[in-house]
PDB file of N, CA and C in Angstrom:
ATOM      1  N   MET A   1      16.642 -36.004  -4.127  1.00  0.00           N
ATOM      2  CA  MET A   1      15.677 -36.031  -3.069  1.00  0.00           C
ATOM      3  C   MET A   1      15.564 -34.629  -2.463  1.00  0.00           C
ATOM      4  N   LYS A   2      14.339 -34.213  -2.258  1.00  0.00           N
ATOM      5  CA  LYS A   2      14.074 -32.894  -1.691  1.00  0.00           C
ATOM      6  C   LYS A   2      13.626 -33.059  -0.246  1.00  0.00           C
ATOM      7  N   THR A   3      14.236 -32.302   0.649  1.00  0.00           N
ATOM      8  CA  THR A   3      13.815 -32.321   2.044  1.00  0.00           C
ATOM      9  C   THR A   3      13.507 -30.906   2.496  1.00  0.00           C
ATOM     10  N   LYS A   4      12.641 -30.789   3.470  1.00  0.00           N
ATOM     11  CA  LYS A   4      12.282 -29.479   4.009  1.00  0.00           C
ATOM     12  C   LYS A   4      12.862 -29.363   5.404  1.00  0.00           C
ATOM     13  N   CYS A   5      13.515 -28.239   5.683  1.00  0.00           N
ATOM     14  CA  CYS A   5      14.072 -27.967   7.001  1.00  0.00           C
ATOM     15  C   CYS A   5      13.229 -26.876   7.661  1.00  0.00           C
ATOM     16  N   TYR A   6      12.791 -27.130   8.863  1.00  0.00           N
ATOM     17  CA  TYR A   6      11.955 -26.188   9.595  1.00  0.00           C
ATOM     18  C   TYR A   6      12.723 -25.591  10.764  1.00  0.00           C
ATOM     19  N   GLU A   7      12.250 -24.449  11.215  1.00  0.00           N
ATOM     20  CA  GLU A   7      12.759 -23.820  12.417  1.00  0.00           C
ATOM     21  C   GLU A   7      11.582 -23.203  13.159  1.00  0.00           C
ATOM     22  N   GLU A   8      11.764 -22.949  14.458  1.00  0.00           N
ATOM     23  CA  GLU A   8      10.733 -22.268  15.239  1.00  0.00           C
ATOM     24  C   GLU A   8      11.238 -20.878  15.580  1.00  0.00           C
ATOM     25  N   VAL A   9      10.425 -19.868  15.255  1.00  0.00           N
ATOM     26  CA  VAL A   9      10.798 -18.466  15.419  1.00  0.00           C
ATOM     27  C   VAL A   9       9.669 -17.734  16.141  1.00  0.00           C
ATOM     28  N   ASP A  10      10.024 -16.745  16.953  1.00  0.00           N
ATOM     29  CA  ASP A  10       9.029 -15.914  17.625  1.00  0.00           C
ATOM     30  C   ASP A  10       8.705 -14.691  16.777  1.00  0.00           C
ATOM     31  N   PHE A  11       7.405 -14.454  16.568  1.00  0.00           N
ATOM     32  CA  PHE A  11       6.910 -13.276  15.865  1.00  0.00           C
ATOM     33  C   PHE A  11       5.796 -12.658  16.684  1.00  0.00           C
ATOM     34  N   GLU A  12       5.462 -11.421  16.372  1.00  0.00           N
ATOM     35  CA  GLU A  12       4.316 -10.771  16.999  1.00  0.00           C
ATOM     36  C   GLU A  12       3.052 -11.249  16.297  1.00  0.00           C
ATOM     37  N   VAL A  13       2.035 -11.586  17.082  1.00  0.00           N
ATOM     38  CA  VAL A  13       0.732 -11.919  16.508  1.00  0.00           C
ATOM     39  C   VAL A  13       0.038 -10.583  16.252  1.00  0.00           C
ATOM     40  N   ALA A  14      -0.129 -10.238  14.984  1.00  0.00           N
ATOM     41  CA  ALA A  14      -0.686  -8.937  14.619  1.00  0.00           C
ATOM     42  C   ALA A  14      -2.187  -8.983  14.381  1.00  0.00           C
ATOM     43  N   GLY A  15      -2.707 -10.184  14.105  1.00  0.00           N
ATOM     44  CA  GLY A  15      -4.136 -10.287  13.856  1.00  0.00           C
ATOM     45  C   GLY A  15      -4.543 -11.693  13.475  1.00  0.00           C
ATOM     46  N   VAL A  16      -5.820 -11.812  13.135  1.00  0.00           N
ATOM     47  CA  VAL A  16      -6.393 -13.096  12.748  1.00  0.00           C
ATOM     48  C   VAL A  16      -7.247 -12.870  11.512  1.00  0.00           C
ATOM     49  N   GLN A  17      -7.210 -13.834  10.602  1.00  0.00           N
ATOM     50  CA  GLN A  17      -8.060 -13.774   9.412  1.00  0.00           C
ATOM     51  C   GLN A  17      -8.955 -15.010   9.434  1.00  0.00           C
ATOM     52  N   ARG A  18     -10.266 -14.762   9.572  1.00  0.00           N
ATOM     53  CA  ARG A  18     -11.231 -15.860   9.605  1.00  0.00           C
ATOM     54  C   ARG A  18     -12.136 -15.735   8.389  1.00  0.00           C
ATOM     55  N   THR A  19     -11.993 -16.682   7.479  1.00  0.00           N
ATOM     56  CA  THR A  19     -12.777 -16.723   6.257  1.00  0.00           C
ATOM     57  C   THR A  19     -13.714 -17.924   6.336  1.00  0.00           C
ATOM     58  N   PRO A  20     -15.011 -17.739   6.102  1.00  0.00           N
ATOM     59  CA  PRO A  20     -15.938 -18.881   6.144  1.00  0.00           C
ATOM     60  C   PRO A  20     -15.492 -19.989   5.185  1.00  0.00           C
ATOM     61  N   GLY A  21     -15.492 -21.212   5.689  1.00  0.00           N
ATOM     62  CA  GLY A  21     -15.111 -22.354   4.872  1.00  0.00           C
ATOM     63  C   GLY A  21     -13.625 -22.639   4.863  1.00  0.00           C
ATOM     64  N   SER A  22     -12.819 -21.812   5.534  1.00  0.00           N
ATOM     65  CA  SER A  22     -11.373 -22.013   5.596  1.00  0.00           C
ATOM     66  C   SER A  22     -10.912 -22.024   7.048  1.00  0.00           C
ATOM     67  N   ALA A  23      -9.755 -22.614   7.261  1.00  0.00           N
ATOM     68  CA  ALA A  23      -9.171 -22.608   8.604  1.00  0.00           C
ATOM     69  C   ALA A  23      -8.719 -21.187   8.949  1.00  0.00           C
ATOM     70  N   PRO A  24      -8.858 -20.762  10.203  1.00  0.00           N
ATOM     71  CA  PRO A  24      -8.397 -19.418  10.583  1.00  0.00           C
ATOM     72  C   PRO A  24      -6.877 -19.319  10.514  1.00  0.00           C
ATOM     73  N   LEU A  25      -6.400 -18.131  10.178  1.00  0.00           N
ATOM     74  CA  LEU A  25      -4.962 -17.883  10.061  1.00  0.00           C
ATOM     75  C   LEU A  25      -4.537 -16.797  11.029  1.00  0.00           C
ATOM     76  N   ALA A  26      -3.366 -16.980  11.617  1.00  0.00           N
ATOM     77  CA  ALA A  26      -2.763 -15.943  12.442  1.00  0.00           C
ATOM     78  C   ALA A  26      -1.872 -15.099  11.536  1.00  0.00           C
ATOM     79  N   LEU A  27      -2.013 -13.784  11.619  1.00  0.00           N
ATOM     80  CA  LEU A  27      -1.218 -12.872  10.800  1.00  0.00           C
ATOM     81  C   LEU A  27      -0.058 -12.393  11.644  1.00  0.00           C
ATOM     82  N   MET A  28       1.157 -12.581  11.147  1.00  0.00           N
ATOM     83  CA  MET A  28       2.351 -12.386  11.948  1.00  0.00           C
ATOM     84  C   MET A  28       3.176 -11.192  11.444  1.00  0.00           C
ATOM     85  N   ALA A  29       3.894 -10.560  12.387  1.00  0.00           N
ATOM     86  CA  ALA A  29       4.742  -9.404  12.076  1.00  0.00           C
ATOM     87  C   ALA A  29       6.056  -9.537  12.849  1.00  0.00           C
ATOM     88  N   THR A  30       7.075  -8.803  12.407  1.00  0.00           N
ATOM     89  CA  THR A  30       8.342  -8.798  13.121  1.00  0.00           C
ATOM     90  C   THR A  30       8.169  -8.122  14.469  1.00  0.00           C
ATOM     91  N   ARG A  31       9.037  -8.435  15.415  1.00  0.00           N
ATOM     92  CA  ARG A  31       8.919  -7.895  16.766  1.00  0.00           C
ATOM     93  C   ARG A  31       9.755  -6.639  16.968  1.00  0.00           C
ATOM     94  N   ASP A  32      10.370  -6.120  15.923  1.00  0.00           N
ATOM     95  CA  ASP A  32      11.205  -4.920  16.048  1.00  0.00           C
ATOM     96  C   ASP A  32      10.362  -3.659  15.873  1.00  0.00           C
ATOM     97  N   ALA A  33      11.017  -2.507  15.913  1.00  0.00           N
ATOM     98  CA  ALA A  33      10.322  -1.222  15.786  1.00  0.00           C
ATOM     99  C   ALA A  33       9.657  -1.062  14.416  1.00  0.00           C
ATOM    100  N   GLU A  34      10.180  -1.742  13.410  1.00  0.00           N
ATOM    101  CA  GLU A  34       9.633  -1.652  12.052  1.00  0.00           C
ATOM    102  C   GLU A  34       8.259  -2.316  11.949  1.00  0.00           C
ATOM    103  N   ARG A  35       8.035  -3.365  12.725  1.00  0.00           N
ATOM    104  CA  ARG A  35       6.751  -4.102  12.739  1.00  0.00           C
ATOM    105  C   ARG A  35       6.246  -4.394  11.321  1.00  0.00           C
ATOM    106  N   ARG A  36       7.028  -5.190  10.603  1.00  0.00           N
ATOM    107  CA  ARG A  36       6.752  -5.523   9.208  1.00  0.00           C
ATOM    108  C   ARG A  36       5.998  -6.854   9.120  1.00  0.00           C
ATOM    109  N   TYR A  37       4.964  -6.898   8.294  1.00  0.00           N
ATOM    110  CA  TYR A  37       4.170  -8.108   8.073  1.00  0.00           C
ATOM    111  C   TYR A  37       5.043  -9.171   7.399  1.00  0.00           C
ATOM    112  N   VAL A  38       5.025 -10.405   7.934  1.00  0.00           N
ATOM    113  CA  VAL A  38       5.848 -11.471   7.367  1.00  0.00           C
ATOM    114  C   VAL A  38       5.036 -12.625   6.803  1.00  0.00           C
ATOM    115  N   GLY A  39       3.722 -12.632   7.041  1.00  0.00           N
ATOM    116  CA  GLY A  39       2.896 -13.687   6.472  1.00  0.00           C
ATOM    117  C   GLY A  39       1.901 -14.243   7.472  1.00  0.00           C
ATOM    118  N   SER A  40       1.262 -15.336   7.067  1.00  0.00           N
ATOM    119  CA  SER A  40       0.239 -15.944   7.903  1.00  0.00           C
ATOM    120  C   SER A  40       0.646 -17.363   8.266  1.00  0.00           C
ATOM    121  N   ALA A  41       0.054 -17.841   9.358  1.00  0.00           N
ATOM    122  CA  ALA A  41       0.342 -19.195   9.843  1.00  0.00           C
ATOM    123  C   ALA A  41      -0.959 -19.871  10.246  1.00  0.00           C
ATOM    124  N   ASN A  42      -1.058 -21.164   9.971  1.00  0.00           N
ATOM    125  CA  ASN A  42      -2.205 -21.945  10.441  1.00  0.00           C
ATOM    126  C   ASN A  42      -2.181 -21.963  11.959  1.00  0.00           C
ATOM    127  N   ILE A  43      -3.340 -21.899  12.571  1.00  0.00           N
ATOM    128  CA  ILE A  43      -3.425 -21.882  14.025  1.00  0.00           C
ATOM    129  C   ILE A  43      -3.538 -23.314  14.537  1.00  0.00           C
ATOM    130  N   ALA A  44      -2.512 -23.757  15.271  1.00  0.00           N
ATOM    131  CA  ALA A  44      -2.485 -25.097  15.856  1.00  0.00           C
ATOM    132  C   ALA A  44      -2.221 -24.954  17.355  1.00  0.00           C
ATOM    133  N   LEU A  45      -3.178 -24.364  18.058  1.00  0.00           N
ATOM    134  CA  LEU A  45      -3.024 -24.080  19.485  1.00  0.00           C
ATOM    135  C   LEU A  45      -3.936 -24.978  20.312  1.00  0.00           C
ATOM    136  N   THR A  46      -3.606 -25.097  21.584  1.00  0.00           N
ATOM    137  CA  THR A  46      -4.504 -25.804  22.492  1.00  0.00           C
ATOM    138  C   THR A  46      -5.785 -24.981  22.632  1.00  0.00           C
ATOM    139  N   LYS A  47      -6.814 -25.586  23.179  1.00  0.00           N
ATOM    140  CA  LYS A  47      -8.090 -24.890  23.327  1.00  0.00           C
ATOM    141  C   LYS A  47      -7.925 -23.642  24.193  1.00  0.00           C
ATOM    142  N   ALA A  48      -7.180 -23.734  25.285  1.00  0.00           N
ATOM    143  CA  ALA A  48      -6.986 -22.592  26.180  1.00  0.00           C
ATOM    144  C   ALA A  48      -6.253 -21.457  25.474  1.00  0.00           C
ATOM    145  N   MET A  49      -5.220 -21.779  24.703  1.00  0.00           N
ATOM    146  CA  MET A  49      -4.469 -20.748  23.968  1.00  0.00           C
ATOM    147  C   MET A  49      -5.327 -20.104  22.893  1.00  0.00           C
ATOM    148  N   ARG A  50      -6.127 -20.920  22.207  1.00  0.00           N
ATOM    149  CA  ARG A  50      -7.011 -20.403  21.163  1.00  0.00           C
ATOM    150  C   ARG A  50      -8.026 -19.433  21.760  1.00  0.00           C
ATOM    151  N   GLU A  51      -8.597 -19.797  22.903  1.00  0.00           N
ATOM    152  CA  GLU A  51      -9.557 -18.916  23.569  1.00  0.00           C
ATOM    153  C   GLU A  51      -8.894 -17.601  23.982  1.00  0.00           C
ATOM    154  N   ARG A  52      -7.645 -17.665  24.463  1.00  0.00           N
ATOM    155  CA  ARG A  52      -6.916 -16.454  24.838  1.00  0.00           C
ATOM    156  C   ARG A  52      -6.670 -15.564  23.624  1.00  0.00           C
ATOM    157  N   LEU A  53      -6.323 -16.180  22.495  1.00  0.00           N
ATOM    158  CA  LEU A  53      -6.100 -15.424  21.259  1.00  0.00           C
ATOM    159  C   LEU A  53      -7.387 -14.742  20.813  1.00  0.00           C
ATOM    160  N   TYR A  54      -8.502 -15.464  20.791  1.00  0.00           N
ATOM    161  CA  TYR A  54      -9.758 -14.883  20.333  1.00  0.00           C
ATOM    162  C   TYR A  54     -10.288 -13.834  21.314  1.00  0.00           C
ATOM    163  N   ALA A  55      -9.986 -13.987  22.599  1.00  0.00           N
ATOM    164  CA  ALA A  55     -10.357 -12.953  23.567  1.00  0.00           C
ATOM    165  C   ALA A  55      -9.587 -11.666  23.272  1.00  0.00           C
ATOM    166  N   LYS A  56      -8.329 -11.796  22.883  1.00  0.00           N
ATOM    167  CA  LYS A  56      -7.516 -10.626  22.519  1.00  0.00           C
ATOM    168  C   LYS A  56      -8.091  -9.951  21.271  1.00  0.00           C
ATOM    169  N   VAL A  57      -8.583 -10.748  20.333  1.00  0.00           N
ATOM    170  CA  VAL A  57      -9.206 -10.197  19.118  1.00  0.00           C
ATOM    171  C   VAL A  57     -10.461  -9.417  19.497  1.00  0.00           C
ATOM    172  N   GLN A  58     -11.247  -9.939  20.438  1.00  0.00           N
ATOM    173  CA  GLN A  58     -12.488  -9.295  20.852  1.00  0.00           C
ATOM    174  C   GLN A  58     -12.251  -8.011  21.656  1.00  0.00           C
ATOM    175  N   GLU A  59     -11.091  -7.914  22.341  1.00  0.00           N
ATOM    176  CA  GLU A  59     -10.793  -6.757  23.195  1.00  0.00           C
ATOM    177  C   GLU A  59     -10.796  -5.433  22.449  1.00  0.00           C
ATOM    178  N   GLY A  60     -10.174  -5.428  21.319  1.00  0.00           N
ATOM    179  CA  GLY A  60     -10.104  -4.154  20.616  1.00  0.00           C
ATOM    180  C   GLY A  60      -9.335  -4.263  19.323  1.00  0.00           C
ATOM    181  N   LYS A  61      -9.452  -3.227  18.558  1.00  0.00           N
ATOM    182  CA  LYS A  61      -8.831  -3.220  17.237  1.00  0.00           C
ATOM    183  C   LYS A  61      -7.457  -2.568  17.301  1.00  0.00           C
ATOM    184  N   GLY A  62      -6.505  -3.226  16.706  1.00  0.00           N
ATOM    185  CA  GLY A  62      -5.168  -2.671  16.566  1.00  0.00           C
ATOM    186  C   GLY A  62      -4.994  -2.159  15.153  1.00  0.00           C
ATOM    187  N   SER A  63      -3.816  -1.719  14.849  1.00  0.00           N
ATOM    188  CA  SER A  63      -3.531  -1.238  13.495  1.00  0.00           C
ATOM    189  C   SER A  63      -2.718  -2.293  12.751  1.00  0.00           C
ATOM    190  N   PRO A  64      -2.895  -2.394  11.447  1.00  0.00           N
ATOM    191  CA  PRO A  64      -2.152  -3.393  10.688  1.00  0.00           C
ATOM    192  C   PRO A  64      -0.661  -3.055  10.636  1.00  0.00           C
ATOM    193  N   PRO A  65       0.197  -4.065  10.579  1.00  0.00           N
ATOM    194  CA  PRO A  65       1.624  -3.816  10.456  1.00  0.00           C
ATOM    195  C   PRO A  65       1.961  -3.328   9.054  1.00  0.00           C
ATOM    196  N   ARG A  66       3.178  -2.827   8.901  1.00  0.00           N
ATOM    197  CA  ARG A  66       3.635  -2.342   7.598  1.00  0.00           C
ATOM    198  C   ARG A  66       3.632  -3.468   6.575  1.00  0.00           C
ATOM    199  N   GLY A  67       3.079  -3.215   5.415  1.00  0.00           N
ATOM    200  CA  GLY A  67       3.088  -4.182   4.323  1.00  0.00           C
ATOM    201  C   GLY A  67       1.933  -5.161   4.318  1.00  0.00           C
ATOM    202  N   ALA A  68       1.017  -5.042   5.258  1.00  0.00           N
ATOM    203  CA  ALA A  68      -0.124  -5.964   5.323  1.00  0.00           C
ATOM    204  C   ALA A  68      -1.276  -5.415   4.498  1.00  0.00           C
ATOM    205  N   ASP A  69      -1.736  -6.213   3.553  1.00  0.00           N
ATOM    206  CA  ASP A  69      -2.858  -5.817   2.708  1.00  0.00           C
ATOM    207  C   ASP A  69      -3.961  -6.870   2.856  1.00  0.00           C
ATOM    208  N   LYS A  70      -4.606  -6.870   4.016  1.00  0.00           N
ATOM    209  CA  LYS A  70      -5.654  -7.838   4.326  1.00  0.00           C
ATOM    210  C   LYS A  70      -6.866  -7.076   4.835  1.00  0.00           C
ATOM    211  N   PRO A  71      -7.755  -6.615   3.944  1.00  0.00           N
ATOM    212  CA  PRO A  71      -8.888  -5.790   4.370  1.00  0.00           C
ATOM    213  C   PRO A  71      -9.879  -6.520   5.285  1.00  0.00           C
ATOM    214  N   ASP A  72      -9.953  -7.851   5.212  1.00  0.00           N
ATOM    215  CA  ASP A  72     -10.919  -8.598   6.024  1.00  0.00           C
ATOM    216  C   ASP A  72     -10.322  -9.142   7.318  1.00  0.00           C
ATOM    217  N   ALA A  73      -9.110  -8.708   7.672  1.00  0.00           N
ATOM    218  CA  ALA A  73      -8.435  -9.195   8.871  1.00  0.00           C
ATOM    219  C   ALA A  73      -8.919  -8.472  10.119  1.00  0.00           C
ATOM    220  N   GLU A  74      -8.774  -9.134  11.249  1.00  0.00           N
ATOM    221  CA  GLU A  74      -9.073  -8.555  12.547  1.00  0.00           C
ATOM    222  C   GLU A  74      -7.729  -8.311  13.235  1.00  0.00           C
ATOM    223  N   TRP A  75      -7.328  -7.048  13.357  1.00  0.00           N
ATOM    224  CA  TRP A  75      -6.015  -6.690  13.901  1.00  0.00           C
ATOM    225  C   TRP A  75      -6.093  -6.521  15.402  1.00  0.00           C
ATOM    226  N   ILE A  76      -5.015  -6.906  16.093  1.00  0.00           N
ATOM    227  CA  ILE A  76      -4.976  -6.769  17.552  1.00  0.00           C
ATOM    228  C   ILE A  76      -3.823  -5.852  17.956  1.00  0.00           C
ATOM    229  N   GLU A  77      -3.901  -5.355  19.178  1.00  0.00           N
ATOM    230  CA  GLU A  77      -2.851  -4.494  19.712  1.00  0.00           C
ATOM    231  C   GLU A  77      -1.569  -5.311  19.895  1.00  0.00           C
ATOM    232  N   PRO A  78      -0.402  -4.694  19.738  1.00  0.00           N
ATOM    233  CA  PRO A  78       0.861  -5.406  19.983  1.00  0.00           C
ATOM    234  C   PRO A  78       0.943  -5.897  21.431  1.00  0.00           C
ATOM    235  N   GLY A  79       1.663  -6.965  21.644  1.00  0.00           N
ATOM    236  CA  GLY A  79       1.833  -7.486  22.988  1.00  0.00           C
ATOM    237  C   GLY A  79       1.689  -8.989  23.092  1.00  0.00           C
ATOM    238  N   LEU A  80       1.341  -9.642  21.997  1.00  0.00           N
ATOM    239  CA  LEU A  80       1.184 -11.091  21.992  1.00  0.00           C
ATOM    240  C   LEU A  80       2.248 -11.682  21.070  1.00  0.00           C
ATOM    241  N   VAL A  81       3.050 -12.593  21.606  1.00  0.00           N
ATOM    242  CA  VAL A  81       4.136 -13.222  20.850  1.00  0.00           C
ATOM    243  C   VAL A  81       3.743 -14.648  20.517  1.00  0.00           C
ATOM    244  N   GLY A  82       3.974 -15.038  19.272  1.00  0.00           N
ATOM    245  CA  GLY A  82       3.646 -16.387  18.831  1.00  0.00           C
ATOM    246  C   GLY A  82       4.881 -17.148  18.394  1.00  0.00           C
ATOM    247  N   ARG A  83       4.955 -18.418  18.773  1.00  0.00           N
ATOM    248  CA  ARG A  83       6.032 -19.301  18.341  1.00  0.00           C
ATOM    249  C   ARG A  83       5.551 -19.987  17.073  1.00  0.00           C
ATOM    250  N   VAL A  84       6.263 -19.755  15.953  1.00  0.00           N
ATOM    251  CA  VAL A  84       5.842 -20.232  14.635  1.00  0.00           C
ATOM    252  C   VAL A  84       6.846 -21.228  14.087  1.00  0.00           C
ATOM    253  N   LYS A  85       6.348 -22.364  13.630  1.00  0.00           N
ATOM    254  CA  LYS A  85       7.178 -23.342  12.926  1.00  0.00           C
ATOM    255  C   LYS A  85       7.056 -23.028  11.442  1.00  0.00           C
ATOM    256  N   THR A  86       8.202 -22.770  10.786  1.00  0.00           N
ATOM    257  CA  THR A  86       8.198 -22.366   9.376  1.00  0.00           C
ATOM    258  C   THR A  86       9.435 -22.902   8.671  1.00  0.00           C
ATOM    259  N   LEU A  87       9.426 -22.829   7.355  1.00  0.00           N
ATOM    260  CA  LEU A  87      10.601 -23.257   6.602  1.00  0.00           C
ATOM    261  C   LEU A  87      11.795 -22.379   6.938  1.00  0.00           C
ATOM    262  N   LYS A  88      12.950 -22.977   7.019  1.00  0.00           N
ATOM    263  CA  LYS A  88      14.180 -22.272   7.382  1.00  0.00           C
ATOM    264  C   LYS A  88      14.631 -21.313   6.287  1.00  0.00           C
ATOM    265  N   ARG A  89      15.214 -20.194   6.706  1.00  0.00           N
ATOM    266  CA  ARG A  89      15.871 -19.216   5.831  1.00  0.00           C
ATOM    267  C   ARG A  89      14.961 -18.647   4.741  1.00  0.00           C
ATOM    268  N   GLU A  90      13.751 -18.294   5.127  1.00  0.00           N
ATOM    269  CA  GLU A  90      12.812 -17.670   4.197  1.00  0.00           C
ATOM    270  C   GLU A  90      12.502 -16.263   4.691  1.00  0.00           C
ATOM    271  N   ASN A  91      12.293 -15.310   3.770  1.00  0.00           N
ATOM    272  CA  ASN A  91      11.949 -13.941   4.152  1.00  0.00           C
ATOM    273  C   ASN A  91      10.495 -13.824   4.591  1.00  0.00           C
ATOM    274  N   LYS A  92       9.631 -14.586   3.984  1.00  0.00           N
ATOM    275  CA  LYS A  92       8.207 -14.624   4.325  1.00  0.00           C
ATOM    276  C   LYS A  92       7.894 -16.006   4.897  1.00  0.00           C
ATOM    277  N   LEU A  93       6.847 -16.092   5.681  1.00  0.00           N
ATOM    278  CA  LEU A  93       6.457 -17.380   6.241  1.00  0.00           C
ATOM    279  C   LEU A  93       5.966 -18.303   5.140  1.00  0.00           C
ATOM    280  N   ARG A  94       6.455 -19.544   5.163  1.00  0.00           N
ATOM    281  CA  ARG A  94       6.011 -20.571   4.214  1.00  0.00           C
ATOM    282  C   ARG A  94       5.764 -21.851   4.980  1.00  0.00           C
ATOM    283  N   HIS A  95       4.652 -22.507   4.710  1.00  0.00           N
ATOM    284  CA  HIS A  95       4.267 -23.737   5.399  1.00  0.00           C
ATOM    285  C   HIS A  95       4.324 -23.511   6.908  1.00  0.00           C
ATOM    286  N   ALA A  96       3.772 -22.402   7.355  1.00  0.00           N
ATOM    287  CA  ALA A  96       3.904 -21.984   8.749  1.00  0.00           C
ATOM    288  C   ALA A  96       2.735 -22.433   9.613  1.00  0.00           C
ATOM    289  N   THR A  97       3.041 -22.725  10.886  1.00  0.00           N
ATOM    290  CA  THR A  97       2.056 -23.127  11.867  1.00  0.00           C
ATOM    291  C   THR A  97       2.319 -22.392  13.170  1.00  0.00           C
ATOM    292  N   LEU A  98       1.295 -21.750  13.711  1.00  0.00           N
ATOM    293  CA  LEU A  98       1.392 -21.096  15.016  1.00  0.00           C
ATOM    294  C   LEU A  98       1.241 -22.174  16.068  1.00  0.00           C
ATOM    295  N   ARG A  99       2.310 -22.393  16.882  1.00  0.00           N
ATOM    296  CA  ARG A  99       2.337 -23.501  17.837  1.00  0.00           C
ATOM    297  C   ARG A  99       2.043 -23.089  19.276  1.00  0.00           C
ATOM    298  N   ALA A 100       2.359 -21.835  19.636  1.00  0.00           N
ATOM    299  CA  ALA A 100       2.151 -21.375  21.015  1.00  0.00           C
ATOM    300  C   ALA A 100       2.085 -19.858  21.029  1.00  0.00           C
ATOM    301  N   ILE A 101       1.433 -19.293  22.055  1.00  0.00           N
ATOM    302  CA  ILE A 101       1.398 -17.843  22.229  1.00  0.00           C
ATOM    303  C   ILE A 101       1.717 -17.514  23.679  1.00  0.00           C
ATOM    304  N   ARG A 102       2.237 -16.296  23.893  1.00  0.00           N
ATOM    305  CA  ARG A 102       2.523 -15.808  25.237  1.00  0.00           C
ATOM    306  C   ARG A 102       2.493 -14.288  25.207  1.00  0.00           C
ATOM    307  N   GLU A 103       2.361 -13.690  26.390  1.00  0.00           N
ATOM    308  CA  GLU A 103       2.412 -12.233  26.486  1.00  0.00           C
ATOM    309  C   GLU A 103       3.848 -11.788  26.315  1.00  0.00           C
ATOM    310  N   ALA A 104       4.060 -10.665  25.622  1.00  0.00           N
ATOM    311  CA  ALA A 104       5.416 -10.134  25.427  1.00  0.00           C
ATOM    312  C   ALA A 104       5.934  -9.563  26.727  1.00  0.00           C
ATOM    313  N   LYS A 105       7.217  -9.718  26.952  1.00  0.00           N
ATOM    314  CA  LYS A 105       7.849  -9.153  28.139  1.00  0.00           C
ATOM    315  C   LYS A 105       8.107  -7.670  27.907  1.00  0.00           C
ATOM    316  N   ALA A 106       7.961  -6.878  28.940  1.00  0.00           N
ATOM    317  CA  ALA A 106       8.138  -5.424  28.822  1.00  0.00           C
ATOM    318  C   ALA A 106       9.582  -5.054  28.574  1.00  0.00           C
TER     319      ALA A 106
END
């Protein structure tokens, strides 16, 4: 029998990828000085959180994190932290869902 174990981890929300005909994805990066791209997560936020995320996307363009090769992505400035539910003990996000967002503490 195969079972999946999940954990919730905080990552930086680095951007959003919106492709016509597909669900939007949040592009996530590590929160350390390296700011390395770790993968994408399905967006499962409340309406208010989703509006806050898209307002951040509209504010301005950020730079992509290290290792991100997504030419059609909309990158945002660092400062938004996302709580992601993902498979345990993986280097990259797998079966990931963005569950909540908040402003990063200084």
